[in-house]
């Protein structure tokens, strides 16, 4: 918390500035741990906030794949460029918007805010830490940028 001049604590402000989504198709023959479950999609999210950048990911099976990734990603627009007192207040608002249709999107955003990601095990980590997303763009089936 920031300390105001009068000795009263002022709440920290959090704002989502931009969201990037990379959708990577994992064909059943090439995604070894998931191969017996059929095709999957790895959805990587990068968010830029007033407190820095964060990465997160989820996996969707073929049956959960949306027909339109842009329409799927439009769910996140309601959280962009709004001030929240803290990460907890943003997560409260996210959880209040839960509808079964949005569960994967909610999970992805919450995990990204918490910084839970498996990217540290990928060869892309060094590049993405430097803000370079070209390696992901080269393998992504779809890409959505919200700002």
C-alpha atoms as a PDB file:
ATOM      1  CA  UNK A   1       0.000   0.000   0.000  1.00  0.00           C
ATOM      2  CA  UNK A   2       1.097   3.550  -0.655  1.00  0.00           C
ATOM      3  CA  UNK A   3       1.270   5.924   2.259  1.00  0.00           C
ATOM      4  CA  UNK A   4      -0.655   9.176   1.816  1.00  0.00           C
ATOM      5  CA  UNK A   5       0.692  12.397   3.345  1.00  0.00           C
ATOM      6  CA  UNK A   6      -1.969  12.447   6.080  1.00  0.00           C
ATOM      7  CA  UNK A   7      -0.937   9.071   7.466  1.00  0.00           C
ATOM      8  CA  UNK A   8      -3.868   7.293   5.800  1.00  0.00           C
ATOM      9  CA  UNK A   9      -3.019   4.437   3.470  1.00  0.00           C
ATOM     10  CA  UNK A  10      -4.087   5.016  -0.116  1.00  0.00           C
ATOM     11  CA  UNK A  11      -5.081   1.879  -2.052  1.00  0.00           C
ATOM     12  CA  UNK A  12      -2.793   0.737  -4.828  1.00  0.00           C
ATOM     13  CA  UNK A  13      -4.313   0.949  -8.284  1.00  0.00           C
ATOM     14  CA  UNK A  14      -4.190  -1.848 -10.821  1.00  0.00           C
ATOM     15  CA  UNK A  15      -5.151  -1.397 -14.442  1.00  0.00           C
ATOM     16  CA  UNK A  16      -4.993  -3.880 -17.339  1.00  0.00           C
ATOM     17  CA  UNK A  17      -3.379  -2.029 -20.230  1.00  0.00           C
ATOM     18  CA  UNK A  18      -3.156  -4.737 -22.904  1.00  0.00           C
ATOM     19  CA  UNK A  19      -3.869  -8.425 -23.428  1.00  0.00           C
ATOM     20  CA  UNK A  20      -2.277 -10.692 -26.023  1.00  0.00           C
ATOM     21  CA  UNK A  21      -3.507 -14.211 -26.757  1.00  0.00           C
ATOM     22  CA  UNK A  22      -1.596 -16.833 -28.721  1.00  0.00           C
ATOM     23  CA  UNK A  23      -3.526 -19.956 -29.738  1.00  0.00           C
ATOM     24  CA  UNK A  24      -1.253 -22.861 -30.640  1.00  0.00           C
ATOM     25  CA  UNK A  25      -2.706 -25.994 -32.205  1.00  0.00           C
ATOM     26  CA  UNK A  26      -1.252 -29.223 -30.802  1.00  0.00           C
ATOM     27  CA  UNK A  27      -2.153 -32.059 -33.199  1.00  0.00           C
ATOM     28  CA  UNK A  28      -2.718 -35.354 -31.402  1.00  0.00           C
ATOM     29  CA  UNK A  29       0.316 -37.006 -33.005  1.00  0.00           C
ATOM     30  CA  UNK A  30       2.717 -34.246 -31.947  1.00  0.00           C
ATOM     31  CA  UNK A  31       1.626 -33.323 -28.408  1.00  0.00           C
ATOM     32  CA  UNK A  32       3.065 -36.309 -26.581  1.00  0.00           C
ATOM     33  CA  UNK A  33       1.407 -36.095 -23.136  1.00  0.00           C
ATOM     34  CA  UNK A  34      -1.990 -35.318 -24.674  1.00  0.00           C
ATOM     35  CA  UNK A  35      -1.757 -37.504 -27.795  1.00  0.00           C
ATOM     36  CA  UNK A  36      -4.290 -40.118 -26.679  1.00  0.00           C
ATOM     37  CA  UNK A  37      -6.863 -37.373 -25.977  1.00  0.00           C
ATOM     38  CA  UNK A  38      -6.880 -35.983 -29.538  1.00  0.00           C
ATOM     39  CA  UNK A  39      -6.055 -32.490 -30.758  1.00  0.00           C
ATOM     40  CA  UNK A  40      -5.559 -29.738 -28.189  1.00  0.00           C
ATOM     41  CA  UNK A  41      -4.944 -26.012 -28.163  1.00  0.00           C
ATOM     42  CA  UNK A  42      -2.464 -24.248 -25.931  1.00  0.00           C
ATOM     43  CA  UNK A  43      -3.721 -20.742 -25.192  1.00  0.00           C
ATOM     44  CA  UNK A  44      -1.021 -18.393 -23.909  1.00  0.00           C
ATOM     45  CA  UNK A  45      -1.941 -15.020 -22.430  1.00  0.00           C
ATOM     46  CA  UNK A  46       0.296 -12.049 -21.838  1.00  0.00           C
ATOM     47  CA  UNK A  47      -1.128  -9.135 -19.880  1.00  0.00           C
ATOM     48  CA  UNK A  48       0.445  -5.747 -19.386  1.00  0.00           C
ATOM     49  CA  UNK A  49      -0.680  -4.050 -16.194  1.00  0.00           C
ATOM     50  CA  UNK A  50       0.383  -1.004 -14.257  1.00  0.00           C
ATOM     51  CA  UNK A  51       2.369  -3.441 -12.076  1.00  0.00           C
ATOM     52  CA  UNK A  52       4.191  -5.140 -14.984  1.00  0.00           C
ATOM     53  CA  UNK A  53       3.732  -7.974 -17.469  1.00  0.00           C
ATOM     54  CA  UNK A  54       2.492 -11.471 -16.650  1.00  0.00           C
ATOM     55  CA  UNK A  55       2.112 -14.719 -18.591  1.00  0.00           C
ATOM     56  CA  UNK A  56      -0.372 -17.572 -18.204  1.00  0.00           C
ATOM     57  CA  UNK A  57      -1.706 -20.523 -20.146  1.00  0.00           C
ATOM     58  CA  UNK A  58      -4.480 -23.066 -20.411  1.00  0.00           C
ATOM     59  CA  UNK A  59      -5.111 -26.074 -22.626  1.00  0.00           C
ATOM     60  CA  UNK A  60      -8.374 -26.614 -24.474  1.00  0.00           C
ATOM     61  CA  UNK A  61      -9.408 -29.846 -26.152  1.00  0.00           C
ATOM     62  CA  UNK A  62     -10.844 -29.893 -29.650  1.00  0.00           C
ATOM     63  CA  UNK A  63     -14.406 -29.905 -28.298  1.00  0.00           C
ATOM     64  CA  UNK A  64     -13.757 -26.722 -26.264  1.00  0.00           C
ATOM     65  CA  UNK A  65     -12.151 -24.842 -29.138  1.00  0.00           C
ATOM     66  CA  UNK A  66     -14.227 -21.783 -30.029  1.00  0.00           C
ATOM     67  CA  UNK A  67     -15.301 -21.303 -33.630  1.00  0.00           C
ATOM     68  CA  UNK A  68     -14.115 -17.694 -33.456  1.00  0.00           C
ATOM     69  CA  UNK A  69     -11.077 -16.823 -31.310  1.00  0.00           C
ATOM     70  CA  UNK A  70     -11.721 -13.066 -31.594  1.00  0.00           C
ATOM     71  CA  UNK A  71     -15.260 -13.426 -30.237  1.00  0.00           C
ATOM     72  CA  UNK A  72     -13.899 -15.708 -27.489  1.00  0.00           C
ATOM     73  CA  UNK A  73     -11.287 -13.097 -26.540  1.00  0.00           C
ATOM     74  CA  UNK A  74     -13.785 -10.218 -26.526  1.00  0.00           C
ATOM     75  CA  UNK A  75     -14.827 -11.359 -23.027  1.00  0.00           C
ATOM     76  CA  UNK A  76     -11.652  -9.680 -21.693  1.00  0.00           C
ATOM     77  CA  UNK A  77     -12.492  -6.212 -23.043  1.00  0.00           C
ATOM     78  CA  UNK A  78     -14.643  -5.396 -20.016  1.00  0.00           C
ATOM     79  CA  UNK A  79     -11.569  -5.538 -17.753  1.00  0.00           C
ATOM     80  CA  UNK A  80      -9.276  -3.344 -19.879  1.00  0.00           C
ATOM     81  CA  UNK A  81      -8.468   0.243 -18.883  1.00  0.00           C
ATOM     82  CA  UNK A  82     -10.424   0.174 -15.641  1.00  0.00           C
ATOM     83  CA  UNK A  83      -8.850   0.956 -12.291  1.00  0.00           C
ATOM     84  CA  UNK A  84      -9.071  -1.655  -9.575  1.00  0.00           C
ATOM     85  CA  UNK A  85      -7.976  -1.059  -5.987  1.00  0.00           C
ATOM     86  CA  UNK A  86      -5.904  -4.254  -6.049  1.00  0.00           C
ATOM     87  CA  UNK A  87      -5.429  -7.577  -7.772  1.00  0.00           C
ATOM     88  CA  UNK A  88      -7.916  -9.054  -5.282  1.00  0.00           C
ATOM     89  CA  UNK A  89     -10.630  -6.566  -6.297  1.00  0.00           C
ATOM     90  CA  UNK A  90     -10.022  -7.348  -9.977  1.00  0.00           C
ATOM     91  CA  UNK A  91     -10.257 -11.078  -9.254  1.00  0.00           C
ATOM     92  CA  UNK A  92     -13.485 -10.494  -7.303  1.00  0.00           C
ATOM     93  CA  UNK A  93     -14.981  -8.770 -10.344  1.00  0.00           C
ATOM     94  CA  UNK A  94     -13.760 -11.561 -12.617  1.00  0.00           C
ATOM     95  CA  UNK A  95     -15.342 -14.179 -10.353  1.00  0.00           C
ATOM     96  CA  UNK A  96     -18.626 -12.234 -10.267  1.00  0.00           C
ATOM     97  CA  UNK A  97     -18.753 -12.512 -14.066  1.00  0.00           C
ATOM     98  CA  UNK A  98     -18.489 -16.303 -14.027  1.00  0.00           C
ATOM     99  CA  UNK A  99     -20.883 -18.150 -16.244  1.00  0.00           C
ATOM    100  CA  UNK A 100     -20.181 -21.764 -17.284  1.00  0.00           C
ATOM    101  CA  UNK A 101     -19.537 -20.517 -20.807  1.00  0.00           C
ATOM    102  CA  UNK A 102     -16.657 -18.346 -19.480  1.00  0.00           C
ATOM    103  CA  UNK A 103     -14.881 -20.792 -17.140  1.00  0.00           C
ATOM    104  CA  UNK A 104     -11.798 -21.355 -19.331  1.00  0.00           C
ATOM    105  CA  UNK A 105     -11.431 -17.603 -19.905  1.00  0.00           C
ATOM    106  CA  UNK A 106     -11.783 -16.843 -16.192  1.00  0.00           C
ATOM    107  CA  UNK A 107      -9.224 -19.518 -15.315  1.00  0.00           C
ATOM    108  CA  UNK A 108      -6.760 -18.137 -17.862  1.00  0.00           C
ATOM    109  CA  UNK A 109      -7.041 -14.533 -16.655  1.00  0.00           C
ATOM    110  CA  UNK A 110      -6.846 -15.445 -12.947  1.00  0.00           C
ATOM    111  CA  UNK A 111      -3.819 -17.679 -13.453  1.00  0.00           C
ATOM    112  CA  UNK A 112      -2.123 -15.019 -15.546  1.00  0.00           C
ATOM    113  CA  UNK A 113      -2.701 -12.415 -12.835  1.00  0.00           C
ATOM    114  CA  UNK A 114      -1.138 -14.751 -10.285  1.00  0.00           C
ATOM    115  CA  UNK A 115       1.783 -15.338 -12.642  1.00  0.00           C
ATOM    116  CA  UNK A 116       1.190 -19.090 -12.845  1.00  0.00           C
ATOM    117  CA  UNK A 117       2.729 -20.291 -16.050  1.00  0.00           C
ATOM    118  CA  UNK A 118       4.705 -23.162 -17.465  1.00  0.00           C
ATOM    119  CA  UNK A 119       6.587 -20.878 -19.825  1.00  0.00           C
ATOM    120  CA  UNK A 120       9.687 -21.144 -17.643  1.00  0.00           C
ATOM    121  CA  UNK A 121      10.158 -24.654 -19.070  1.00  0.00           C
ATOM    122  CA  UNK A 122       9.933 -23.495 -22.679  1.00  0.00           C
ATOM    123  CA  UNK A 123      12.654 -22.283 -24.976  1.00  0.00           C
ATOM    124  CA  UNK A 124      10.425 -19.229 -25.593  1.00  0.00           C
ATOM    125  CA  UNK A 125      10.851 -17.933 -22.029  1.00  0.00           C
ATOM    126  CA  UNK A 126      14.069 -16.009 -22.615  1.00  0.00           C
ATOM    127  CA  UNK A 127      12.642 -14.273 -25.674  1.00  0.00           C
ATOM    128  CA  UNK A 128       9.248 -13.526 -24.162  1.00  0.00           C
ATOM    129  CA  UNK A 129      10.866 -12.064 -21.037  1.00  0.00           C
ATOM    130  CA  UNK A 130      12.472  -9.521 -23.349  1.00  0.00           C
ATOM    131  CA  UNK A 131       9.069  -8.663 -24.792  1.00  0.00           C
ATOM    132  CA  UNK A 132       9.752 -10.540 -28.031  1.00  0.00           C
ATOM    133  CA  UNK A 133       6.728 -12.583 -29.056  1.00  0.00           C
ATOM    134  CA  UNK A 134       7.822 -13.400 -32.615  1.00  0.00           C
ATOM    135  CA  UNK A 135       8.591 -17.080 -31.816  1.00  0.00           C
ATOM    136  CA  UNK A 136       5.025 -17.480 -30.544  1.00  0.00           C
ATOM    137  CA  UNK A 137       3.574 -15.675 -33.553  1.00  0.00           C
ATOM    138  CA  UNK A 138       5.451 -18.062 -35.832  1.00  0.00           C
ATOM    139  CA  UNK A 139       3.739 -21.123 -34.338  1.00  0.00           C
ATOM    140  CA  UNK A 140       0.351 -19.663 -33.372  1.00  0.00           C
ATOM    141  CA  UNK A 141      -2.750 -20.695 -35.286  1.00  0.00           C
ATOM    142  CA  UNK A 142      -4.433 -17.497 -34.116  1.00  0.00           C
ATOM    143  CA  UNK A 143      -3.383 -14.307 -32.350  1.00  0.00           C
ATOM    144  CA  UNK A 144      -5.572 -11.673 -30.681  1.00  0.00           C
ATOM    145  CA  UNK A 145      -4.354  -8.382 -29.264  1.00  0.00           C
ATOM    146  CA  UNK A 146      -6.604  -6.230 -27.062  1.00  0.00           C
ATOM    147  CA  UNK A 147      -5.407  -2.794 -25.963  1.00  0.00           C
END
